[in-house]
All heavy atoms as atom14 arrays in JSON, in Angstrom:
{
  "sequence": "GYGAVGYNFFISALAIQWYIIIYGCIENRGKTGFDIVLNIHS",
  "atom14_mask": [
    [1, 1, 1, 1, 0, 0, 0, 0, 0, 0, 0, 0, 0, 0],
    [1, 1, 1, 1, 1, 1, 1, 1, 1, 1, 1, 1, 0, 0],
    [1, 1, 1, 1, 0, 0, 0, 0, 0, 0, 0, 0, 0, 0],
    [1, 1, 1, 1, 1, 0, 0, 0, 0, 0, 0, 0, 0, 0],
    [1, 1, 1, 1, 1, 1, 1, 0, 0, 0, 0, 0, 0, 0],
    [1, 1, 1, 1, 0, 0, 0, 0, 0, 0, 0, 0, 0, 0],
    [1, 1, 1, 1, 1, 1, 1, 1, 1, 1, 1, 1, 0, 0],
    [1, 1, 1, 1, 1, 1, 1, 1, 0, 0, 0, 0, 0, 0],
    [1, 1, 1, 1, 1, 1, 1, 1, 1, 1, 1, 0, 0, 0],
    [1, 1, 1, 1, 1, 1, 1, 1, 1, 1, 1, 0, 0, 0],
    [1, 1, 1, 1, 1, 1, 1, 1, 0, 0, 0, 0, 0, 0],
    [1, 1, 1, 1, 1, 1, 0, 0, 0, 0, 0, 0, 0, 0],
    [1, 1, 1, 1, 1, 0, 0, 0, 0, 0, 0, 0, 0, 0],
    [1, 1, 1, 1, 1, 1, 1, 1, 0, 0, 0, 0, 0, 0],
    [1, 1, 1, 1, 1, 0, 0, 0, 0, 0, 0, 0, 0, 0],
    [1, 1, 1, 1, 1, 1, 1, 1, 0, 0, 0, 0, 0, 0],
    [1, 1, 1, 1, 1, 1, 1, 1, 1, 0, 0, 0, 0, 0],
    [1, 1, 1, 1, 1, 1, 1, 1, 1, 1, 1, 1, 1, 1],
    [1, 1, 1, 1, 1, 1, 1, 1, 1, 1, 1, 1, 0, 0],
    [1, 1, 1, 1, 1, 1, 1, 1, 0, 0, 0, 0, 0, 0],
    [1, 1, 1, 1, 1, 1, 1, 1, 0, 0, 0, 0, 0, 0],
    [1, 1, 1, 1, 1, 1, 1, 1, 0, 0, 0, 0, 0, 0],
    [1, 1, 1, 1, 1, 1, 1, 1, 1, 1, 1, 1, 0, 0],
    [1, 1, 1, 1, 0, 0, 0, 0, 0, 0, 0, 0, 0, 0],
    [1, 1, 1, 1, 1, 1, 0, 0, 0, 0, 0, 0, 0, 0],
    [1, 1, 1, 1, 1, 1, 1, 1, 0, 0, 0, 0, 0, 0],
    [1, 1, 1, 1, 1, 1, 1, 1, 1, 0, 0, 0, 0, 0],
    [1, 1, 1, 1, 1, 1, 1, 1, 0, 0, 0, 0, 0, 0],
    [1, 1, 1, 1, 1, 1, 1, 1, 1, 1, 1, 0, 0, 0],
    [1, 1, 1, 1, 0, 0, 0, 0, 0, 0, 0, 0, 0, 0],
    [1, 1, 1, 1, 1, 1, 1, 1, 1, 0, 0, 0, 0, 0],
    [1, 1, 1, 1, 1, 1, 1, 0, 0, 0, 0, 0, 0, 0],
    [1, 1, 1, 1, 0, 0, 0, 0, 0, 0, 0, 0, 0, 0],
    [1, 1, 1, 1, 1, 1, 1, 1, 1, 1, 1, 0, 0, 0],
    [1, 1, 1, 1, 1, 1, 1, 1, 0, 0, 0, 0, 0, 0],
    [1, 1, 1, 1, 1, 1, 1, 1, 0, 0, 0, 0, 0, 0],
    [1, 1, 1, 1, 1, 1, 1, 0, 0, 0, 0, 0, 0, 0],
    [1, 1, 1, 1, 1, 1, 1, 1, 0, 0, 0, 0, 0, 0],
    [1, 1, 1, 1, 1, 1, 1, 1, 0, 0, 0, 0, 0, 0],
    [1, 1, 1, 1, 1, 1, 1, 1, 0, 0, 0, 0, 0, 0],
    [1, 1, 1, 1, 1, 1, 1, 1, 1, 1, 0, 0, 0, 0],
    [1, 1, 1, 1, 1, 1, 0, 0, 0, 0, 0, 0, 0, 0]
  ],
  "atom14_positions": [
    [[0.8, -1.22, 0.0], [0.0, 0.0, 0.0], [0.83, 1.27, 0.0], [0.53, 2.22, -0.72], [0.0, 0.0, 0.0], [0.0, 0.0, 0.0], [0.0, 0.0, 0.0], [0.0, 0.0, 0.0], [0.0, 0.0, 0.0], [0.0, 0.0, 0.0], [0.0, 0.0, 0.0], [0.0, 0.0, 0.0], [0.0, 0.0, 0.0], [0.0, 0.0, 0.0]],
    [[1.9, 1.28, 0.81], [2.78, 2.46, 0.83], [3.41, 2.68, -0.54], [3.48, 3.82, -1.04], [3.89, 2.26, 1.86], [3.51, 2.44, 3.31], [2.19, 2.47, 3.7], [4.5, 2.59, 4.29], [1.84, 2.64, 5.03], [4.16, 2.75, 5.62], [2.83, 2.78, 5.99], [2.5, 2.94, 7.3], [0.0, 0.0, 0.0], [0.0, 0.0, 0.0]],
    [[3.9, 1.6, -1.13], [4.54, 1.71, -2.43], [3.58, 2.19, -3.5], [3.92, 3.01, -4.35], [0.0, 0.0, 0.0], [0.0, 0.0, 0.0], [0.0, 0.0, 0.0], [0.0, 0.0, 0.0], [0.0, 0.0, 0.0], [0.0, 0.0, 0.0], [0.0, 0.0, 0.0], [0.0, 0.0, 0.0], [0.0, 0.0, 0.0], [0.0, 0.0, 0.0]],
    [[2.33, 1.68, -3.47], [1.34, 2.05, -4.48], [1.03, 3.54, -4.44], [1.13, 4.24, -5.45], [0.07, 1.22, -4.28], [0.0, 0.0, 0.0], [0.0, 0.0, 0.0], [0.0, 0.0, 0.0], [0.0, 0.0, 0.0], [0.0, 0.0, 0.0], [0.0, 0.0, 0.0], [0.0, 0.0, 0.0], [0.0, 0.0, 0.0], [0.0, 0.0, 0.0]],
    [[0.67, 4.04, -3.26], [0.31, 5.45, -3.14], [1.56, 6.34, -3.17], [1.57, 7.39, -3.82], [-0.47, 5.7, -1.83], [-0.72, 7.18, -1.63], [-1.79, 4.95, -1.87], [0.0, 0.0, 0.0], [0.0, 0.0, 0.0], [0.0, 0.0, 0.0], [0.0, 0.0, 0.0], [0.0, 0.0, 0.0], [0.0, 0.0, 0.0], [0.0, 0.0, 0.0]],
    [[2.61, 5.91, -2.48], [3.82, 6.74, -2.37], [4.55, 6.91, -3.68], [4.87, 8.04, -4.08], [0.0, 0.0, 0.0], [0.0, 0.0, 0.0], [0.0, 0.0, 0.0], [0.0, 0.0, 0.0], [0.0, 0.0, 0.0], [0.0, 0.0, 0.0], [0.0, 0.0, 0.0], [0.0, 0.0, 0.0], [0.0, 0.0, 0.0], [0.0, 0.0, 0.0]],
    [[4.82, 5.81, -4.38], [5.52, 5.92, -5.65], [4.66, 6.6, -6.71], [5.16, 7.29, -7.61], [5.96, 4.54, -6.14], [7.0, 3.88, -5.27], [7.06, 2.5, -5.12], [7.92, 4.65, -4.56], [8.02, 1.9, -4.31], [8.88, 4.06, -3.75], [8.92, 2.68, -3.62], [9.86, 2.1, -2.82], [0.0, 0.0, 0.0], [0.0, 0.0, 0.0]],
    [[3.34, 6.42, -6.62], [2.42, 7.13, -7.51], [2.6, 8.64, -7.34], [2.67, 9.39, -8.32], [0.99, 6.73, -7.17], [-0.05, 7.38, -8.07], [-0.52, 6.77, -9.02], [-0.43, 8.6, -7.77], [0.0, 0.0, 0.0], [0.0, 0.0, 0.0], [0.0, 0.0, 0.0], [0.0, 0.0, 0.0], [0.0, 0.0, 0.0], [0.0, 0.0, 0.0]],
    [[2.7, 9.07, -6.08], [2.89, 10.49, -5.75], [4.22, 11.0, -6.3], [4.29, 12.03, -6.99], [2.84, 10.61, -4.22], [2.64, 12.0, -3.69], [2.38, 13.07, -4.53], [2.68, 12.23, -2.32], [2.18, 14.35, -4.01], [2.5, 13.5, -1.79], [2.24, 14.55, -2.64], [0.0, 0.0, 0.0], [0.0, 0.0, 0.0], [0.0, 0.0, 0.0]],
    [[5.28, 10.26, -6.03], [6.63, 10.67, -6.45], [6.77, 10.71, -7.96], [7.23, 11.7, -8.54], [7.66, 9.7, -5.85], [9.01, 9.76, -6.52], [9.87, 10.82, -6.3], [9.41, 8.75, -7.4], [11.1, 10.88, -6.93], [10.64, 8.8, -8.02], [11.49, 9.87, -7.79], [0.0, 0.0, 0.0], [0.0, 0.0, 0.0], [0.0, 0.0, 0.0]],
    [[6.39, 9.63, -8.61], [6.66, 9.51, -10.04], [5.8, 10.48, -10.86], [6.23, 10.96, -11.92], [6.47, 8.05, -10.52], [7.37, 7.77, -11.72], [5.02, 7.74, -10.85], [8.85, 7.86, -11.41], [0.0, 0.0, 0.0], [0.0, 0.0, 0.0], [0.0, 0.0, 0.0], [0.0, 0.0, 0.0], [0.0, 0.0, 0.0], [0.0, 0.0, 0.0]],
    [[4.6, 10.8, -10.36], [3.76, 11.78, -11.05], [4.4, 13.17, -10.99], [4.45, 13.88, -12.0], [2.37, 11.82, -10.42], [1.71, 10.59, -10.55], [0.0, 0.0, 0.0], [0.0, 0.0, 0.0], [0.0, 0.0, 0.0], [0.0, 0.0, 0.0], [0.0, 0.0, 0.0], [0.0, 0.0, 0.0], [0.0, 0.0, 0.0], [0.0, 0.0, 0.0]],
    [[4.88, 13.55, -9.81], [5.51, 14.86, -9.65], [6.75, 14.98, -10.53], [7.03, 16.04, -11.11], [5.88, 15.08, -8.18], [0.0, 0.0, 0.0], [0.0, 0.0, 0.0], [0.0, 0.0, 0.0], [0.0, 0.0, 0.0], [0.0, 0.0, 0.0], [0.0, 0.0, 0.0], [0.0, 0.0, 0.0], [0.0, 0.0, 0.0], [0.0, 0.0, 0.0]],
    [[7.5, 13.9, -10.65], [8.7, 13.9, -11.5], [8.32, 13.99, -12.98], [8.89, 14.79, -13.74], [9.5, 12.63, -11.24], [10.83, 12.51, -11.98], [11.87, 13.42, -11.35], [11.32, 11.07, -11.97], [0.0, 0.0, 0.0], [0.0, 0.0, 0.0], [0.0, 0.0, 0.0], [0.0, 0.0, 0.0], [0.0, 0.0, 0.0], [0.0, 0.0, 0.0]],
    [[7.36, 13.18, -13.39], [6.96, 13.13, -14.8], [6.41, 14.46, -15.28], [6.68, 14.89, -16.41], [5.93, 12.02, -15.0], [0.0, 0.0, 0.0], [0.0, 0.0, 0.0], [0.0, 0.0, 0.0], [0.0, 0.0, 0.0], [0.0, 0.0, 0.0], [0.0, 0.0, 0.0], [0.0, 0.0, 0.0], [0.0, 0.0, 0.0], [0.0, 0.0, 0.0]],
    [[5.65, 15.14, -14.43], [5.06, 16.43, -14.8], [6.15, 17.44, -15.17], [6.08, 18.12, -16.21], [4.19, 16.96, -13.65], [2.88, 16.17, -13.58], [3.91, 18.46, -13.8], [2.08, 16.42, -12.32], [0.0, 0.0, 0.0], [0.0, 0.0, 0.0], [0.0, 0.0, 0.0], [0.0, 0.0, 0.0], [0.0, 0.0, 0.0], [0.0, 0.0, 0.0]],
    [[7.17, 17.53, -14.35], [8.25, 18.48, -14.62], [9.04, 18.11, -15.87], [9.35, 18.97, -16.71], [9.21, 18.52, -13.43], [8.59, 18.97, -12.13], [9.57, 18.84, -10.98], [10.48, 19.66, -10.82], [9.41, 17.81, -10.17], [0.0, 0.0, 0.0], [0.0, 0.0, 0.0], [0.0, 0.0, 0.0], [0.0, 0.0, 0.0], [0.0, 0.0, 0.0]],
    [[9.36, 16.83, -16.01], [10.17, 16.36, -17.13], [9.42, 16.53, -18.45], [10.0, 16.9, -19.46], [10.58, 14.91, -16.88], [11.53, 14.29, -17.86], [11.42, 13.04, -18.41], [12.76, 14.83, -18.37], [12.48, 12.78, -19.24], [13.32, 13.87, -19.23], [13.42, 16.04, -18.19], [14.52, 14.07, -19.9], [14.61, 16.25, -18.87], [15.15, 15.28, -19.71]],
    [[8.1, 16.27, -18.42], [7.3, 16.41, -19.64], [7.29, 17.86, -20.12], [7.38, 18.12, -21.33], [5.87, 15.93, -19.39], [4.92, 16.3, -20.51], [4.82, 15.5, -21.65], [4.14, 17.45, -20.43], [3.96, 15.85, -22.68], [3.28, 17.8, -21.45], [3.2, 17.0, -22.58], [2.36, 17.34, -23.61], [0.0, 0.0, 0.0], [0.0, 0.0, 0.0]],
    [[7.14, 18.81, -19.21], [7.09, 20.22, -19.61], [8.36, 20.6, -20.38], [8.29, 21.31, -21.39], [6.91, 21.11, -18.36], [5.51, 20.93, -17.78], [7.18, 22.58, -18.7], [5.3, 21.6, -16.44], [0.0, 0.0, 0.0], [0.0, 0.0, 0.0], [0.0, 0.0, 0.0], [0.0, 0.0, 0.0], [0.0, 0.0, 0.0], [0.0, 0.0, 0.0]],
    [[9.49, 20.09, -19.93], [10.75, 20.39, -20.62], [10.83, 19.65, -21.95], [11.12, 20.26, -23.0], [11.96, 19.99, -19.73], [11.98, 20.82, -18.44], [13.26, 20.15, -20.5], [12.14, 22.3, -18.66], [0.0, 0.0, 0.0], [0.0, 0.0, 0.0], [0.0, 0.0, 0.0], [0.0, 0.0, 0.0], [0.0, 0.0, 0.0], [0.0, 0.0, 0.0]],
    [[10.58, 18.36, -21.95], [10.75, 17.56, -23.16], [9.79, 17.98, -24.27], [10.2, 18.22, -25.41], [10.57, 16.05, -22.84], [11.71, 15.55, -21.95], [10.52, 15.23, -24.12], [13.08, 15.68, -22.57], [0.0, 0.0, 0.0], [0.0, 0.0, 0.0], [0.0, 0.0, 0.0], [0.0, 0.0, 0.0], [0.0, 0.0, 0.0], [0.0, 0.0, 0.0]],
    [[8.5, 18.09, -23.93], [7.55, 18.44, -24.99], [7.77, 19.87, -25.47], [7.63, 20.16, -26.66], [6.11, 18.28, -24.5], [5.12, 18.38, -25.64], [4.89, 17.3, -26.48], [4.44, 19.57, -25.9], [4.01, 17.39, -27.55], [3.56, 19.68, -26.96], [3.36, 18.57, -27.78], [2.49, 18.68, -28.84], [0.0, 0.0, 0.0], [0.0, 0.0, 0.0]],
    [[8.15, 20.76, -24.55], [8.45, 22.13, -24.96], [9.6, 22.19, -25.94], [9.58, 22.97, -26.91], [0.0, 0.0, 0.0], [0.0, 0.0, 0.0], [0.0, 0.0, 0.0], [0.0, 0.0, 0.0], [0.0, 0.0, 0.0], [0.0, 0.0, 0.0], [0.0, 0.0, 0.0], [0.0, 0.0, 0.0], [0.0, 0.0, 0.0], [0.0, 0.0, 0.0]],
    [[10.63, 21.37, -25.72], [11.78, 21.34, -26.64], [11.38, 20.75, -27.99], [11.81, 21.23, -29.04], [12.92, 20.54, -26.02], [13.7, 21.35, -24.61], [0.0, 0.0, 0.0], [0.0, 0.0, 0.0], [0.0, 0.0, 0.0], [0.0, 0.0, 0.0], [0.0, 0.0, 0.0], [0.0, 0.0, 0.0], [0.0, 0.0, 0.0], [0.0, 0.0, 0.0]],
    [[10.57, 19.71, -27.97], [10.12, 19.09, -29.22], [9.26, 20.08, -30.02], [9.41, 20.24, -31.23], [9.33, 17.8, -28.94], [10.25, 16.73, -28.36], [8.66, 17.28, -30.22], [9.53, 15.46, -27.93], [0.0, 0.0, 0.0], [0.0, 0.0, 0.0], [0.0, 0.0, 0.0], [0.0, 0.0, 0.0], [0.0, 0.0, 0.0], [0.0, 0.0, 0.0]],
    [[8.37, 20.77, -29.32], [7.47, 21.7, -30.0], [8.23, 22.88, -30.6], [7.81, 23.45, -31.62], [6.44, 22.2, -28.98], [5.22, 22.84, -29.61], [4.14, 23.12, -28.58], [4.48, 23.38, -27.41], [2.96, 23.07, -28.95], [0.0, 0.0, 0.0], [0.0, 0.0, 0.0], [0.0, 0.0, 0.0], [0.0, 0.0, 0.0], [0.0, 0.0, 0.0]],
    [[9.35, 23.25, -29.99], [10.14, 24.38, -30.48], [11.4, 23.93, -31.21], [12.38, 24.68, -31.29], [10.53, 25.28, -29.31], [9.36, 26.03, -28.73], [8.9, 27.03, -29.27], [8.85, 25.52, -27.6], [0.0, 0.0, 0.0], [0.0, 0.0, 0.0], [0.0, 0.0, 0.0], [0.0, 0.0, 0.0], [0.0, 0.0, 0.0], [0.0, 0.0, 0.0]],
    [[11.37, 22.71, -31.72], [12.55, 22.15, -32.41], [12.98, 23.08, -33.56], [12.14, 23.66, -34.25], [12.22, 20.77, -32.95], [11.26, 20.77, -34.11], [10.6, 19.4, -34.34], [9.82, 19.41, -35.56], [8.66, 20.02, -35.7], [8.15, 20.71, -34.7], [8.0, 19.96, -36.85], [0.0, 0.0, 0.0], [0.0, 0.0, 0.0], [0.0, 0.0, 0.0]],
    [[14.27, 23.21, -33.72], [14.81, 24.03, -34.81], [14.92, 25.5, -34.48], [15.55, 26.25, -35.23], [0.0, 0.0, 0.0], [0.0, 0.0, 0.0], [0.0, 0.0, 0.0], [0.0, 0.0, 0.0], [0.0, 0.0, 0.0], [0.0, 0.0, 0.0], [0.0, 0.0, 0.0], [0.0, 0.0, 0.0], [0.0, 0.0, 0.0], [0.0, 0.0, 0.0]],
    [[14.32, 25.93, -33.38], [14.39, 27.34, -33.0], [15.56, 27.57, -32.05], [16.0, 26.67, -31.36], [13.1, 27.78, -32.32], [11.85, 27.65, -33.18], [10.62, 28.09, -32.4], [9.35, 27.93, -33.24], [8.15, 28.31, -32.45], [0.0, 0.0, 0.0], [0.0, 0.0, 0.0], [0.0, 0.0, 0.0], [0.0, 0.0, 0.0], [0.0, 0.0, 0.0]],
    [[16.04, 28.79, -32.01], [17.09, 29.17, -31.05], [16.53, 30.26, -30.13], [15.77, 31.12, -30.55], [18.33, 29.69, -31.77], [17.97, 30.78, -32.62], [18.97, 28.58, -32.61], [0.0, 0.0, 0.0], [0.0, 0.0, 0.0], [0.0, 0.0, 0.0], [0.0, 0.0, 0.0], [0.0, 0.0, 0.0], [0.0, 0.0, 0.0], [0.0, 0.0, 0.0]],
    [[16.92, 30.19, -28.88], [16.48, 31.2, -27.92], [14.99, 31.16, -27.63], [14.39, 32.19, -27.34], [0.0, 0.0, 0.0], [0.0, 0.0, 0.0], [0.0, 0.0, 0.0], [0.0, 0.0, 0.0], [0.0, 0.0, 0.0], [0.0, 0.0, 0.0], [0.0, 0.0, 0.0], [0.0, 0.0, 0.0], [0.0, 0.0, 0.0], [0.0, 0.0, 0.0]],
    [[14.38, 29.99, -27.72], [12.93, 29.88, -27.5], [12.61, 29.81, -26.01], [13.44, 29.45, -25.18], [12.36, 28.66, -28.22], [12.89, 27.34, -27.69], [12.29, 26.72, -26.6], [13.97, 26.72, -28.3], [12.76, 25.52, -26.12], [14.45, 25.51, -27.83], [13.85, 24.91, -26.73], [0.0, 0.0, 0.0], [0.0, 0.0, 0.0], [0.0, 0.0, 0.0]],
    [[11.36, 30.13, -25.67], [10.82, 29.98, -24.32], [9.72, 28.93, -24.34], [8.92, 28.87, -25.29], [10.25, 31.31, -23.8], [11.33, 32.33, -23.51], [12.45, 31.91, -23.19], [11.04, 33.54, -23.63], [0.0, 0.0, 0.0], [0.0, 0.0, 0.0], [0.0, 0.0, 0.0], [0.0, 0.0, 0.0], [0.0, 0.0, 0.0], [0.0, 0.0, 0.0]],
    [[9.67, 28.13, -23.3], [8.55, 27.2, -23.11], [7.51, 27.93, -22.29], [7.75, 28.28, -21.13], [9.0, 25.92, -22.39], [10.04, 25.18, -23.24], [7.82, 25.02, -22.09], [10.67, 23.98, -22.53], [0.0, 0.0, 0.0], [0.0, 0.0, 0.0], [0.0, 0.0, 0.0], [0.0, 0.0, 0.0], [0.0, 0.0, 0.0], [0.0, 0.0, 0.0]],
    [[6.36, 28.2, -22.9], [5.31, 29.0, -22.26], [4.45, 28.09, -21.39], [3.96, 27.05, -21.84], [4.45, 29.71, -23.32], [3.31, 30.48, -22.65], [5.31, 30.67, -24.14], [0.0, 0.0, 0.0], [0.0, 0.0, 0.0], [0.0, 0.0, 0.0], [0.0, 0.0, 0.0], [0.0, 0.0, 0.0], [0.0, 0.0, 0.0], [0.0, 0.0, 0.0]],
    [[4.25, 28.51, -20.15], [3.54, 27.68, -19.18], [2.2, 28.32, -18.81], [2.14, 29.48, -18.41], [4.4, 27.52, -17.92], [4.1, 26.34, -17.0], [4.23, 25.01, -17.73], [5.03, 26.36, -15.8], [0.0, 0.0, 0.0], [0.0, 0.0, 0.0], [0.0, 0.0, 0.0], [0.0, 0.0, 0.0], [0.0, 0.0, 0.0], [0.0, 0.0, 0.0]],
    [[1.12, 27.55, -18.96], [-0.2, 27.99, -18.56], [-1.02, 26.79, -18.08], [-0.48, 25.68, -17.96], [-0.92, 28.7, -19.72], [-0.92, 27.86, -20.99], [-1.03, 26.63, -20.94], [-0.8, 28.51, -22.14], [0.0, 0.0, 0.0], [0.0, 0.0, 0.0], [0.0, 0.0, 0.0], [0.0, 0.0, 0.0], [0.0, 0.0, 0.0], [0.0, 0.0, 0.0]],
    [[-2.3, 27.0, -17.79], [-3.13, 25.91, -17.27], [-3.23, 24.77, -18.28], [-3.23, 23.59, -17.91], [-4.54, 26.42, -16.91], [-4.46, 27.51, -15.84], [-5.41, 25.27, -16.42], [-3.96, 27.02, -14.5], [0.0, 0.0, 0.0], [0.0, 0.0, 0.0], [0.0, 0.0, 0.0], [0.0, 0.0, 0.0], [0.0, 0.0, 0.0], [0.0, 0.0, 0.0]],
    [[-3.29, 25.11, -19.56], [-3.32, 24.09, -20.61], [-2.08, 23.2, -20.52], [-2.17, 21.97, -20.64], [-3.41, 24.77, -21.98], [-3.52, 23.82, -23.13], [-2.44, 23.12, -23.64], [-4.6, 23.44, -23.87], [-2.84, 22.36, -24.65], [-4.15, 22.54, -24.8], [0.0, 0.0, 0.0], [0.0, 0.0, 0.0], [0.0, 0.0, 0.0], [0.0, 0.0, 0.0]],
    [[-0.93, 23.81, -20.29], [0.31, 23.05, -20.17], [0.27, 22.12, -18.96], [0.77, 20.99, -19.01], [1.5, 23.99, -20.02], [1.54, 24.94, -21.06], [0.0, 0.0, 0.0], [0.0, 0.0, 0.0], [0.0, 0.0, 0.0], [0.0, 0.0, 0.0], [0.0, 0.0, 0.0], [0.0, 0.0, 0.0], [0.0, 0.0, 0.0], [0.0, 0.0, 0.0]]
  ]
}
């Protein structure tokens, strides 16, 4: 039970941050000096 709820908590928080960076870089591929814009949609 601890592992189920605890690792769910940890891995979600990690994935959210990593996704914002990765998808932002993919979406702005080929550009230089770009910003990853963060909003509720993101």
